[in-house]
PDB file of N, CA and C in Angstrom:
ATOM      1  N   MET A   1       1.942   8.847 -18.164  1.00  0.00           N
ATOM      2  CA  MET A   1       1.747   9.049 -16.780  1.00  0.00           C
ATOM      3  C   MET A   1       1.747   7.641 -16.121  1.00  0.00           C
ATOM      4  N   SER A   2       2.456   7.576 -14.875  1.00  0.00           N
ATOM      5  CA  SER A   2       2.698   6.197 -14.314  1.00  0.00           C
ATOM      6  C   SER A   2       1.379   6.005 -13.469  1.00  0.00           C
ATOM      7  N   ILE A   3       1.231   4.769 -13.002  1.00  0.00           N
ATOM      8  CA  ILE A   3       0.100   4.388 -12.177  1.00  0.00           C
ATOM      9  C   ILE A   3       0.259   5.094 -10.817  1.00  0.00           C
ATOM     10  N   VAL A   4       1.415   5.259 -10.394  1.00  0.00           N
ATOM     11  CA  VAL A   4       1.654   5.964  -9.105  1.00  0.00           C
ATOM     12  C   VAL A   4       1.296   7.493  -9.187  1.00  0.00           C
ATOM     13  N   SER A   5       1.660   8.131 -10.313  1.00  0.00           N
ATOM     14  CA  SER A   5       1.254   9.497 -10.478  1.00  0.00           C
ATOM     15  C   SER A   5      -0.322   9.645 -10.568  1.00  0.00           C
ATOM     16  N   ILE A   6      -0.961   8.692 -11.281  1.00  0.00           N
ATOM     17  CA  ILE A   6      -2.384   8.653 -11.350  1.00  0.00           C
ATOM     18  C   ILE A   6      -2.968   8.578  -9.966  1.00  0.00           C
ATOM     19  N   MET A   7      -2.465   7.567  -9.157  1.00  0.00           N
ATOM     20  CA  MET A   7      -3.058   7.299  -7.770  1.00  0.00           C
ATOM     21  C   MET A   7      -2.741   8.482  -6.941  1.00  0.00           C
ATOM     22  N   ALA A   8      -1.589   9.131  -7.116  1.00  0.00           N
ATOM     23  CA  ALA A   8      -1.178  10.357  -6.328  1.00  0.00           C
ATOM     24  C   ALA A   8      -2.217  11.576  -6.665  1.00  0.00           C
ATOM     25  N   THR A   9      -2.527  11.674  -7.853  1.00  0.00           N
ATOM     26  CA  THR A   9      -3.397  12.651  -8.342  1.00  0.00           C
ATOM     27  C   THR A   9      -4.791  12.492  -7.665  1.00  0.00           C
ATOM     28  N   ILE A  10      -5.291  11.314  -7.665  1.00  0.00           N
ATOM     29  CA  ILE A  10      -6.561  10.854  -7.129  1.00  0.00           C
ATOM     30  C   ILE A  10      -6.474  11.124  -5.567  1.00  0.00           C
ATOM     31  N   LEU A  11      -5.457  10.734  -5.020  1.00  0.00           N
ATOM     32  CA  LEU A  11      -5.315  10.961  -3.555  1.00  0.00           C
ATOM     33  C   LEU A  11      -5.372  12.448  -3.275  1.00  0.00           C
ATOM     34  N   GLU A  12      -4.594  13.234  -4.047  1.00  0.00           N
ATOM     35  CA  GLU A  12      -4.564  14.656  -3.787  1.00  0.00           C
ATOM     36  C   GLU A  12      -5.955  15.246  -3.966  1.00  0.00           C
ATOM     37  N   GLN A  13      -6.722  14.809  -4.951  1.00  0.00           N
ATOM     38  CA  GLN A  13      -8.087  15.301  -5.087  1.00  0.00           C
ATOM     39  C   GLN A  13      -9.000  14.905  -3.911  1.00  0.00           C
ATOM     40  N   GLU A  14      -8.856  13.654  -3.477  1.00  0.00           N
ATOM     41  CA  GLU A  14      -9.665  13.273  -2.400  1.00  0.00           C
ATOM     42  C   GLU A  14      -9.334  14.015  -1.094  1.00  0.00           C
ATOM     43  N   LEU A  15      -8.076  14.279  -0.785  1.00  0.00           N
ATOM     44  CA  LEU A  15      -7.750  15.039   0.287  1.00  0.00           C
ATOM     45  C   LEU A  15      -8.260  16.431   0.224  1.00  0.00           C
ATOM     46  N   ARG A  16      -8.113  17.096  -0.910  1.00  0.00           N
ATOM     47  CA  ARG A  16      -8.541  18.448  -1.153  1.00  0.00           C
ATOM     48  C   ARG A  16     -10.072  18.548  -0.926  1.00  0.00           C
ATOM     49  N   GLU A  17     -10.869  17.536  -1.351  1.00  0.00           N
ATOM     50  CA  GLU A  17     -12.264  17.540  -1.127  1.00  0.00           C
ATOM     51  C   GLU A  17     -12.668  17.517   0.320  1.00  0.00           C
ATOM     52  N   ARG A  18     -11.716  16.993   1.176  1.00  0.00           N
ATOM     53  CA  ARG A  18     -11.922  16.870   2.610  1.00  0.00           C
ATOM     54  C   ARG A  18     -11.267  18.063   3.379  1.00  0.00           C
ATOM     55  N   GLY A  19     -10.745  18.980   2.675  1.00  0.00           N
ATOM     56  CA  GLY A  19     -10.132  20.104   3.287  1.00  0.00           C
ATOM     57  C   GLY A  19      -8.677  20.103   3.618  1.00  0.00           C
ATOM     58  N   ILE A  20      -8.002  19.010   3.138  1.00  0.00           N
ATOM     59  CA  ILE A  20      -6.603  18.849   3.459  1.00  0.00           C
ATOM     60  C   ILE A  20      -5.881  19.391   2.180  1.00  0.00           C
ATOM     61  N   LEU A  21      -5.281  20.555   2.362  1.00  0.00           N
ATOM     62  CA  LEU A  21      -4.696  21.273   1.187  1.00  0.00           C
ATOM     63  C   LEU A  21      -3.191  21.344   1.184  1.00  0.00           C
ATOM     64  N   GLY A  22      -2.527  20.942   2.247  1.00  0.00           N
ATOM     65  CA  GLY A  22      -1.057  21.246   2.358  1.00  0.00           C
ATOM     66  C   GLY A  22      -0.196  20.209   1.691  1.00  0.00           C
ATOM     67  N   LEU A  23      -0.637  19.164   1.128  1.00  0.00           N
ATOM     68  CA  LEU A  23       0.167  18.178   0.534  1.00  0.00           C
ATOM     69  C   LEU A  23       0.418  18.454  -0.959  1.00  0.00           C
ATOM     70  N   THR A  24       1.699  18.254  -1.450  1.00  0.00           N
ATOM     71  CA  THR A  24       2.031  18.449  -2.838  1.00  0.00           C
ATOM     72  C   THR A  24       1.804  17.029  -3.623  1.00  0.00           C
ATOM     73  N   GLN A  25       1.868  17.151  -4.846  1.00  0.00           N
ATOM     74  CA  GLN A  25       1.915  15.878  -5.764  1.00  0.00           C
ATOM     75  C   GLN A  25       3.006  14.980  -5.293  1.00  0.00           C
ATOM     76  N   LEU A  26       4.263  15.511  -5.081  1.00  0.00           N
ATOM     77  CA  LEU A  26       5.336  14.699  -4.507  1.00  0.00           C
ATOM     78  C   LEU A  26       4.992  13.958  -3.176  1.00  0.00           C
ATOM     79  N   ASP A  27       4.364  14.718  -2.289  1.00  0.00           N
ATOM     80  CA  ASP A  27       3.912  14.179  -1.000  1.00  0.00           C
ATOM     81  C   ASP A  27       3.010  12.917  -1.267  1.00  0.00           C
ATOM     82  N   CYS A  28       2.031  13.230  -2.134  1.00  0.00           N
ATOM     83  CA  CYS A  28       1.073  12.114  -2.483  1.00  0.00           C
ATOM     84  C   CYS A  28       1.655  11.026  -3.183  1.00  0.00           C
ATOM     85  N   GLU A  29       2.602  11.131  -3.981  1.00  0.00           N
ATOM     86  CA  GLU A  29       3.404  10.089  -4.680  1.00  0.00           C
ATOM     87  C   GLU A  29       4.080   9.224  -3.647  1.00  0.00           C
ATOM     88  N   THR A  30       4.753  10.020  -2.671  1.00  0.00           N
ATOM     89  CA  THR A  30       5.424   9.325  -1.568  1.00  0.00           C
ATOM     90  C   THR A  30       4.466   8.395  -0.660  1.00  0.00           C
ATOM     91  N   ILE A  31       3.337   8.967  -0.449  1.00  0.00           N
ATOM     92  CA  ILE A  31       2.314   8.064   0.321  1.00  0.00           C
ATOM     93  C   ILE A  31       1.879   6.998  -0.501  1.00  0.00           C
ATOM     94  N   VAL A  32       1.594   7.116  -1.753  1.00  0.00           N
ATOM     95  CA  VAL A  32       1.240   6.001  -2.638  1.00  0.00           C
ATOM     96  C   VAL A  32       2.238   4.861  -2.627  1.00  0.00           C
ATOM     97  N   HIS A  33       3.531   5.293  -2.796  1.00  0.00           N
ATOM     98  CA  HIS A  33       4.591   4.333  -2.744  1.00  0.00           C
ATOM     99  C   HIS A  33       4.546   3.484  -1.437  1.00  0.00           C
ATOM    100  N   SER A  34       4.459   4.253  -0.440  1.00  0.00           N
ATOM    101  CA  SER A  34       4.508   3.653   0.926  1.00  0.00           C
ATOM    102  C   SER A  34       3.217   2.693   0.995  1.00  0.00           C
ATOM    103  N   LEU A  35       2.110   3.045   0.534  1.00  0.00           N
ATOM    104  CA  LEU A  35       0.958   2.188   0.658  1.00  0.00           C
ATOM    105  C   LEU A  35       1.210   0.947  -0.196  1.00  0.00           C
ATOM    106  N   ILE A  36       1.762   1.051  -1.323  1.00  0.00           N
ATOM    107  CA  ILE A  36       2.040  -0.106  -2.232  1.00  0.00           C
ATOM    108  C   ILE A  36       3.042  -1.012  -1.533  1.00  0.00           C
ATOM    109  N   GLU A  37       4.052  -0.467  -0.958  1.00  0.00           N
ATOM    110  CA  GLU A  37       5.111  -1.350  -0.295  1.00  0.00           C
ATOM    111  C   GLU A  37       4.471  -2.019   1.022  1.00  0.00           C
ATOM    112  N   ARG A  38       3.686  -1.247   1.758  1.00  0.00           N
ATOM    113  CA  ARG A  38       3.147  -1.806   2.933  1.00  0.00           C
ATOM    114  C   ARG A  38       2.015  -2.899   2.593  1.00  0.00           C
ATOM    115  N   THR A  39       1.267  -2.676   1.559  1.00  0.00           N
ATOM    116  CA  THR A  39       0.290  -3.603   1.090  1.00  0.00           C
ATOM    117  C   THR A  39       0.988  -4.986   0.595  1.00  0.00           C
ATOM    118  N   ALA A  40       2.110  -4.825  -0.069  1.00  0.00           N
ATOM    119  CA  ALA A  40       2.835  -5.989  -0.521  1.00  0.00           C
ATOM    120  C   ALA A  40       3.399  -6.750   0.573  1.00  0.00           C
ATOM    121  N   LYS A  41       3.904  -6.075   1.580  1.00  0.00           N
ATOM    122  CA  LYS A  41       4.473  -6.743   2.833  1.00  0.00           C
ATOM    123  C   LYS A  41       3.398  -7.435   3.539  1.00  0.00           C
ATOM    124  N   LEU A  42       2.197  -6.782   3.677  1.00  0.00           N
ATOM    125  CA  LEU A  42       1.032  -7.368   4.406  1.00  0.00           C
ATOM    126  C   LEU A  42       0.516  -8.670   3.626  1.00  0.00           C
ATOM    127  N   GLU A  43       0.530  -8.507   2.396  1.00  0.00           N
ATOM    128  CA  GLU A  43       0.106  -9.697   1.494  1.00  0.00           C
ATOM    129  C   GLU A  43       1.072 -10.823   1.664  1.00  0.00           C
ATOM    130  N   ALA A  44       2.354 -10.503   1.616  1.00  0.00           N
ATOM    131  CA  ALA A  44       3.428 -11.584   1.906  1.00  0.00           C
ATOM    132  C   ALA A  44       3.141 -12.228   3.172  1.00  0.00           C
ATOM    133  N   ASP A  45       2.981 -11.368   4.286  1.00  0.00           N
ATOM    134  CA  ASP A  45       2.833 -11.956   5.580  1.00  0.00           C
ATOM    135  C   ASP A  45       1.612 -12.894   5.743  1.00  0.00           C
ATOM    136  N   ILE A  46       0.540 -12.424   5.109  1.00  0.00           N
ATOM    137  CA  ILE A  46      -0.731 -13.147   5.115  1.00  0.00           C
ATOM    138  C   ILE A  46      -0.505 -14.577   4.390  1.00  0.00           C
ATOM    139  N   LYS A  47       0.143 -14.492   3.248  1.00  0.00           N
ATOM    140  CA  LYS A  47       0.504 -15.794   2.500  1.00  0.00           C
ATOM    141  C   LYS A  47       1.388 -16.687   3.384  1.00  0.00           C
ATOM    142  N   ARG A  48       2.398 -16.125   3.955  1.00  0.00           N
ATOM    143  CA  ARG A  48       3.294 -16.882   4.799  1.00  0.00           C
ATOM    144  C   ARG A  48       2.524 -17.543   5.954  1.00  0.00           C
ATOM    145  N   LYS A  49       1.625 -16.819   6.575  1.00  0.00           N
ATOM    146  CA  LYS A  49       0.878 -17.299   7.774  1.00  0.00           C
ATOM    147  C   LYS A  49      -0.075 -18.403   7.299  1.00  0.00           C
ATOM    148  N   ARG A  50      -0.719 -18.256   6.133  1.00  0.00           N
ATOM    149  CA  ARG A  50      -1.592 -19.255   5.609  1.00  0.00           C
ATOM    150  C   ARG A  50      -0.797 -20.489   5.242  1.00  0.00           C
ATOM    151  N   THR A  51       0.314 -20.315   4.629  1.00  0.00           N
ATOM    152  CA  THR A  51       1.126 -21.455   4.207  1.00  0.00           C
ATOM    153  C   THR A  51       1.557 -22.221   5.499  1.00  0.00           C
ATOM    154  N   SER A  52       2.126 -21.543   6.530  1.00  0.00           N
ATOM    155  CA  SER A  52       2.510 -22.232   7.752  1.00  0.00           C
ATOM    156  C   SER A  52       1.401 -22.827   8.514  1.00  0.00           C
ATOM    157  N   ALA A  53       0.199 -22.210   8.405  1.00  0.00           N
ATOM    158  CA  ALA A  53      -0.957 -22.809   9.107  1.00  0.00           C
ATOM    159  C   ALA A  53      -1.438 -24.114   8.481  1.00  0.00           C
ATOM    160  N   THR A  54      -1.353 -24.221   7.121  1.00  0.00           N
ATOM    161  CA  THR A  54      -1.840 -25.302   6.488  1.00  0.00           C
ATOM    162  C   THR A  54      -0.664 -26.450   6.173  1.00  0.00           C
ATOM    163  N   ALA A  55       0.502 -26.047   6.465  1.00  0.00           N
ATOM    164  CA  ALA A  55       1.637 -27.038   6.217  1.00  0.00           C
ATOM    165  C   ALA A  55       1.595 -28.128   7.356  1.00  0.00           C
ATOM    166  N   PRO A  56       1.764 -29.371   6.941  1.00  0.00           N
ATOM    167  CA  PRO A  56       1.681 -30.424   7.967  1.00  0.00           C
ATOM    168  C   PRO A  56       2.932 -30.365   8.760  1.00  0.00           C
ATOM    169  N   GLU A  57       2.812 -30.732  10.155  1.00  0.00           N
ATOM    170  CA  GLU A  57       3.950 -30.641  11.048  1.00  0.00           C
ATOM    171  C   GLU A  57       4.813 -31.898  10.761  1.00  0.00           C
ATOM    172  N   ARG A  58       6.153 -31.642  10.808  1.00  0.00           N
ATOM    173  CA  ARG A  58       7.025 -32.671  10.552  1.00  0.00           C
ATOM    174  C   ARG A  58       7.532 -33.270  11.874  1.00  0.00           C
ATOM    175  N   SER A  59       7.663 -34.645  11.870  1.00  0.00           N
ATOM    176  CA  SER A  59       8.174 -35.259  13.079  1.00  0.00           C
ATOM    177  C   SER A  59       9.676 -35.372  12.878  1.00  0.00           C
ATOM    178  N   VAL A  60      10.461 -35.179  14.018  1.00  0.00           N
ATOM    179  CA  VAL A  60      11.895 -35.208  14.064  1.00  0.00           C
ATOM    180  C   VAL A  60      12.308 -36.512  14.570  1.00  0.00           C
TER     181      VAL A  60
END
């Protein structure tokens, strides 16, 4: 079982406990993939901003 499948199963259980019953395992896997991609993009943006904030300015 892949980490995405495990996370999707946990998500499905969490949603079910809160009364959200309409999502399938595939829906949850799609959400997990999206969360992973968005988290990676956010992390890259944060690193880029930190790098540009700490980089010394160059004189031309």
